[in-house]
Amino acid sequence: MTYAADLLYEEVAYLAYHFHWPLDDLLDLEHPERLKFVAQVARLNGQ
């Protein structure tokens, strides 16, 4: 099963916006690790 492309784009765009990491680095993250970063950024932003 593959992760839905639209959700992947959402996560990557969110992290790229906040971290300014290269696309390849963001795509190399395993899904659970990427979700942890998304959660932490959201927490820091009060979301």
N, C-alpha and C. Protein backbone atom coordinates (compact mmCIF):
# COMPACT_ATOMS: atom_id res chain seq x y z
N MET A 1 0.85 -1.18 0.00
CA MET A 1 0.00 0.00 0.00
C MET A 1 0.89 1.24 0.00
N THR A 2 0.55 2.20 -0.83
CA THR A 2 1.33 3.43 -0.89
C THR A 2 0.60 4.54 -0.16
N TYR A 3 1.37 5.46 0.34
CA TYR A 3 0.80 6.60 1.04
C TYR A 3 0.19 7.55 0.02
N ALA A 4 -0.96 8.08 0.31
CA ALA A 4 -1.66 8.96 -0.62
C ALA A 4 -0.77 10.15 -1.01
N ALA A 5 -0.63 10.37 -2.30
CA ALA A 5 0.27 11.40 -2.81
C ALA A 5 -0.09 12.79 -2.28
N ASP A 6 -1.37 13.10 -2.18
CA ASP A 6 -1.75 14.44 -1.72
C ASP A 6 -1.35 14.66 -0.27
N LEU A 7 -1.43 13.64 0.56
CA LEU A 7 -1.01 13.77 1.96
C LEU A 7 0.51 13.88 2.07
N LEU A 8 1.20 13.16 1.22
CA LEU A 8 2.66 13.26 1.19
C LEU A 8 3.08 14.67 0.81
N TYR A 9 2.47 15.24 -0.22
CA TYR A 9 2.78 16.61 -0.62
C TYR A 9 2.50 17.59 0.51
N GLU A 10 1.39 17.39 1.22
CA GLU A 10 1.04 18.26 2.35
C GLU A 10 2.12 18.24 3.43
N GLU A 11 2.53 17.04 3.81
CA GLU A 11 3.55 16.90 4.85
C GLU A 11 4.87 17.53 4.41
N VAL A 12 5.28 17.23 3.18
CA VAL A 12 6.56 17.73 2.68
C VAL A 12 6.52 19.25 2.55
N ALA A 13 5.44 19.80 2.05
CA ALA A 13 5.33 21.25 1.92
C ALA A 13 5.37 21.93 3.28
N TYR A 14 4.69 21.36 4.25
CA TYR A 14 4.66 21.90 5.61
C TYR A 14 6.06 21.92 6.21
N LEU A 15 6.78 20.83 6.09
CA LEU A 15 8.12 20.76 6.65
C LEU A 15 9.10 21.62 5.86
N ALA A 16 8.97 21.65 4.56
CA ALA A 16 9.85 22.48 3.74
C ALA A 16 9.67 23.95 4.08
N TYR A 17 8.43 24.35 4.29
CA TYR A 17 8.13 25.74 4.64
C TYR A 17 8.81 26.14 5.95
N HIS A 18 8.77 25.25 6.93
CA HIS A 18 9.30 25.57 8.25
C HIS A 18 10.79 25.28 8.41
N PHE A 19 11.27 24.24 7.77
CA PHE A 19 12.68 23.83 7.96
C PHE A 19 13.59 24.26 6.82
N HIS A 20 13.03 24.50 5.64
CA HIS A 20 13.82 24.85 4.46
C HIS A 20 14.79 23.73 4.08
N TRP A 21 14.38 22.49 4.30
CA TRP A 21 15.19 21.34 3.94
C TRP A 21 14.98 21.02 2.47
N PRO A 22 15.99 20.45 1.83
CA PRO A 22 15.82 20.05 0.42
C PRO A 22 14.76 18.94 0.29
N LEU A 23 14.12 18.93 -0.85
CA LEU A 23 13.06 17.96 -1.11
C LEU A 23 13.55 16.52 -0.93
N ASP A 24 14.72 16.23 -1.44
CA ASP A 24 15.24 14.86 -1.32
C ASP A 24 15.39 14.43 0.13
N ASP A 25 15.82 15.35 0.99
CA ASP A 25 15.96 15.02 2.41
C ASP A 25 14.61 14.72 3.05
N LEU A 26 13.61 15.50 2.69
CA LEU A 26 12.27 15.28 3.25
C LEU A 26 11.67 13.97 2.75
N LEU A 27 11.88 13.67 1.49
CA LEU A 27 11.33 12.43 0.92
C LEU A 27 12.06 11.20 1.44
N ASP A 28 13.31 11.38 1.87
CA ASP A 28 14.07 10.25 2.41
C ASP A 28 13.62 9.85 3.81
N LEU A 29 12.88 10.73 4.50
CA LEU A 29 12.40 10.40 5.83
C LEU A 29 11.36 9.29 5.74
N GLU A 30 11.41 8.37 6.68
CA GLU A 30 10.36 7.36 6.78
C GLU A 30 9.08 8.06 7.22
N HIS A 31 7.95 7.52 6.82
CA HIS A 31 6.67 8.16 7.12
C HIS A 31 6.47 8.46 8.61
N PRO A 32 6.70 7.51 9.51
CA PRO A 32 6.51 7.81 10.94
C PRO A 32 7.42 8.94 11.44
N GLU A 33 8.64 8.97 10.92
CA GLU A 33 9.57 10.03 11.33
C GLU A 33 9.09 11.38 10.81
N ARG A 34 8.63 11.42 9.56
CA ARG A 34 8.11 12.66 8.98
C ARG A 34 6.90 13.16 9.76
N LEU A 35 6.03 12.25 10.17
CA LEU A 35 4.85 12.64 10.96
C LEU A 35 5.25 13.21 12.32
N LYS A 36 6.31 12.68 12.91
CA LYS A 36 6.79 13.23 14.19
C LYS A 36 7.25 14.67 14.01
N PHE A 37 7.97 14.94 12.92
CA PHE A 37 8.40 16.31 12.65
C PHE A 37 7.20 17.23 12.41
N VAL A 38 6.22 16.75 11.66
CA VAL A 38 5.01 17.55 11.40
C VAL A 38 4.32 17.86 12.73
N ALA A 39 4.18 16.89 13.59
CA ALA A 39 3.53 17.09 14.90
C ALA A 39 4.30 18.09 15.75
N GLN A 40 5.61 18.01 15.74
CA GLN A 40 6.42 18.92 16.54
C GLN A 40 6.32 20.35 16.03
N VAL A 41 6.37 20.53 14.72
CA VAL A 41 6.22 21.88 14.15
C VAL A 41 4.85 22.43 14.49
N ALA A 42 3.82 21.61 14.35
CA ALA A 42 2.46 22.05 14.68
C ALA A 42 2.37 22.45 16.15
N ARG A 43 2.99 21.67 17.02
CA ARG A 43 2.97 22.00 18.45
C ARG A 43 3.67 23.32 18.71
N LEU A 44 4.81 23.53 18.09
CA LEU A 44 5.55 24.79 18.25
C LEU A 44 4.77 25.99 17.74
N ASN A 45 3.97 25.75 16.71
CA ASN A 45 3.15 26.81 16.13
C ASN A 45 1.82 26.98 16.85
N GLY A 46 1.58 26.17 17.86
CA GLY A 46 0.32 26.28 18.62
C GLY A 46 -0.88 25.79 17.84
N GLN A 47 -0.68 24.84 16.93
CA GLN A 47 -1.79 24.33 16.13
C GLN A 47 -2.31 23.04 16.70
